[in-house]
Amino acid sequence: QARLVESGGGLVQAGGSLRLSCVASGRTFSGYGMGWFRQSPGKEREFVATVSWNGDNTYYADSVKGRFTISRTSAKNTVYLQMNSLKPEDTAVYYCAAGPNIAFSVAGMEYWGQGTQVTVSS
């Protein structure tokens, strides 16, 4: 059974950094695009960043461009999100996702993790 497990969330002050990790297991994800989404209370889940199956192509939401970096291991089963210069508006539950193609929407992803909380204090 396919499974995505996130880790690395926590509480950080504005301007600080966090690194999220997502380990995929249960099937081969080497041909899958992987990404990060986030959801704040009362808001819809939104796209943050995505990386192609081979790691060569990355895309970011405008709100995080220049501050966040997505990457994946050569084994293709782990994806990271390095978050720098964090802002209070980055506070959300962050979800790892995988899909058959690189995707920018919730509908484009097939597998989801359980989420990890990121809280940025001002």
Protein backbone atom coordinates (compact mmCIF):
# COMPACT_ATOMS: atom_id res chain seq x y z
CA GLN A 1 0.00 0.00 0.00
CA ALA A 2 1.41 3.37 -1.03
CA ARG A 3 2.23 5.66 1.86
CA LEU A 4 3.69 9.15 2.25
CA VAL A 5 4.97 10.23 5.66
CA GLU A 6 5.94 13.83 6.38
CA SER A 7 8.20 15.10 9.15
CA GLY A 8 10.05 18.25 10.13
CA GLY A 9 7.25 20.61 11.02
CA GLY A 10 7.27 22.71 14.16
CA LEU A 11 7.23 26.18 15.67
CA VAL A 12 9.67 28.78 14.40
CA GLN A 13 10.02 32.54 14.65
CA ALA A 14 9.51 34.76 11.63
CA GLY A 15 12.66 34.84 9.54
CA GLY A 16 13.66 31.35 10.60
CA SER A 17 13.97 28.13 8.61
CA LEU A 18 12.53 24.64 8.61
CA ARG A 19 13.14 21.59 6.45
CA LEU A 20 10.27 19.25 5.73
CA SER A 21 10.84 15.67 4.63
CA CYS A 22 8.50 13.19 2.99
CA VAL A 23 9.33 9.51 2.65
CA ALA A 24 7.34 7.51 0.13
CA SER A 25 6.92 3.75 0.39
CA GLY A 26 4.73 0.88 -0.69
CA ARG A 27 5.18 1.32 -4.43
CA THR A 28 7.56 2.77 -6.96
CA PHE A 29 7.40 6.55 -7.10
CA SER A 30 10.36 6.99 -9.42
CA GLY A 31 8.09 7.93 -12.31
CA TYR A 32 5.87 10.22 -10.25
CA GLY A 33 5.89 13.93 -9.75
CA MET A 34 5.88 14.95 -6.10
CA GLY A 35 4.87 18.13 -4.42
CA TRP A 36 3.95 20.06 -1.32
CA PHE A 37 0.63 21.70 -0.58
CA ARG A 38 -0.56 23.56 2.50
CA GLN A 39 -3.83 24.34 4.21
CA SER A 40 -4.66 26.99 6.79
CA PRO A 41 -7.83 26.97 8.93
CA GLY A 42 -10.80 28.09 6.88
CA LYS A 43 -8.90 28.04 3.61
CA GLU A 44 -8.64 25.58 0.76
CA ARG A 45 -5.56 23.44 0.31
CA GLU A 46 -3.14 25.31 -1.93
CA PHE A 47 -0.18 24.46 -4.09
CA VAL A 48 3.28 25.29 -2.69
CA ALA A 49 5.90 23.52 -4.83
CA THR A 50 6.34 20.53 -7.11
CA VAL A 51 9.24 18.58 -8.62
CA SER A 52 9.32 16.33 -11.67
CA TRP A 53 10.00 12.59 -11.45
CA ASN A 54 13.70 13.02 -12.23
CA GLY A 55 14.20 16.14 -10.11
CA ASP A 56 15.14 18.28 -13.09
CA ASN A 57 12.12 20.56 -13.06
CA THR A 58 10.72 22.50 -10.12
CA TYR A 59 7.86 24.94 -9.82
CA TYR A 60 6.74 27.19 -7.00
CA ALA A 61 3.78 29.27 -5.93
CA ASP A 62 4.53 32.97 -6.25
CA SER A 63 4.09 33.39 -2.51
CA VAL A 64 7.08 31.13 -1.72
CA LYS A 65 9.32 31.67 -4.75
CA GLY A 66 12.84 32.62 -3.70
CA ARG A 67 12.29 31.41 -0.12
CA PHE A 68 11.40 27.70 -0.48
CA THR A 69 13.31 24.99 -2.31
CA ILE A 70 11.94 21.58 -3.25
CA SER A 71 14.21 18.64 -4.02
CA ARG A 72 14.13 14.85 -4.15
CA THR A 73 16.69 12.12 -3.64
CA SER A 74 18.24 10.19 -6.52
CA ALA A 75 16.32 7.16 -5.32
CA LYS A 76 13.19 9.27 -5.96
CA ASN A 77 11.46 8.11 -2.80
CA THR A 78 12.14 11.13 -0.57
CA VAL A 79 11.21 14.74 -1.21
CA TYR A 80 12.28 17.76 0.82
CA LEU A 81 11.02 21.28 1.24
CA GLN A 82 13.60 23.72 2.56
CA MET A 83 11.77 26.76 3.89
CA ASN A 84 13.75 29.92 4.60
CA SER A 85 12.73 33.45 5.61
CA LEU A 86 9.51 32.10 7.02
CA LYS A 87 6.58 34.45 7.54
CA PRO A 88 3.54 34.18 9.83
CA GLU A 89 1.40 33.72 6.72
CA ASP A 90 3.29 30.50 6.00
CA THR A 91 1.58 28.94 9.02
CA ALA A 92 -0.38 25.90 7.84
CA VAL A 93 -0.52 22.14 7.74
CA TYR A 94 1.86 21.05 4.99
CA TYR A 95 1.02 17.98 2.94
CA CYS A 96 3.25 15.88 0.74
CA ALA A 97 1.65 14.49 -2.42
CA ALA A 98 2.52 12.36 -5.43
CA GLY A 99 0.93 12.08 -8.83
CA PRO A 100 1.55 10.49 -12.23
CA ASN A 101 2.49 13.85 -13.70
CA ILE A 102 3.84 17.11 -12.34
CA ALA A 103 0.80 18.92 -11.00
CA PHE A 104 -0.18 22.24 -9.48
CA SER A 105 -3.60 21.30 -8.19
CA VAL A 106 -5.03 19.00 -5.54
CA ALA A 107 -6.91 17.09 -8.24
CA GLY A 108 -3.66 16.28 -10.04
CA MET A 109 -2.21 14.37 -7.11
CA GLU A 110 -3.00 10.72 -6.41
CA TYR A 111 -1.38 10.03 -3.05
CA TRP A 112 -1.29 12.19 0.08
CA GLY A 113 0.51 12.20 3.41
CA GLN A 114 -1.15 12.96 6.72
CA GLY A 115 0.34 16.44 7.00
CA THR A 116 2.75 18.20 9.33
CA GLN A 117 2.04 21.45 11.18
CA VAL A 118 4.21 24.49 10.56
CA THR A 119 3.66 27.49 12.82
CA VAL A 120 5.54 30.75 12.33
CA SER A 121 5.33 33.26 15.16
CA SER A 122 5.71 36.98 14.63
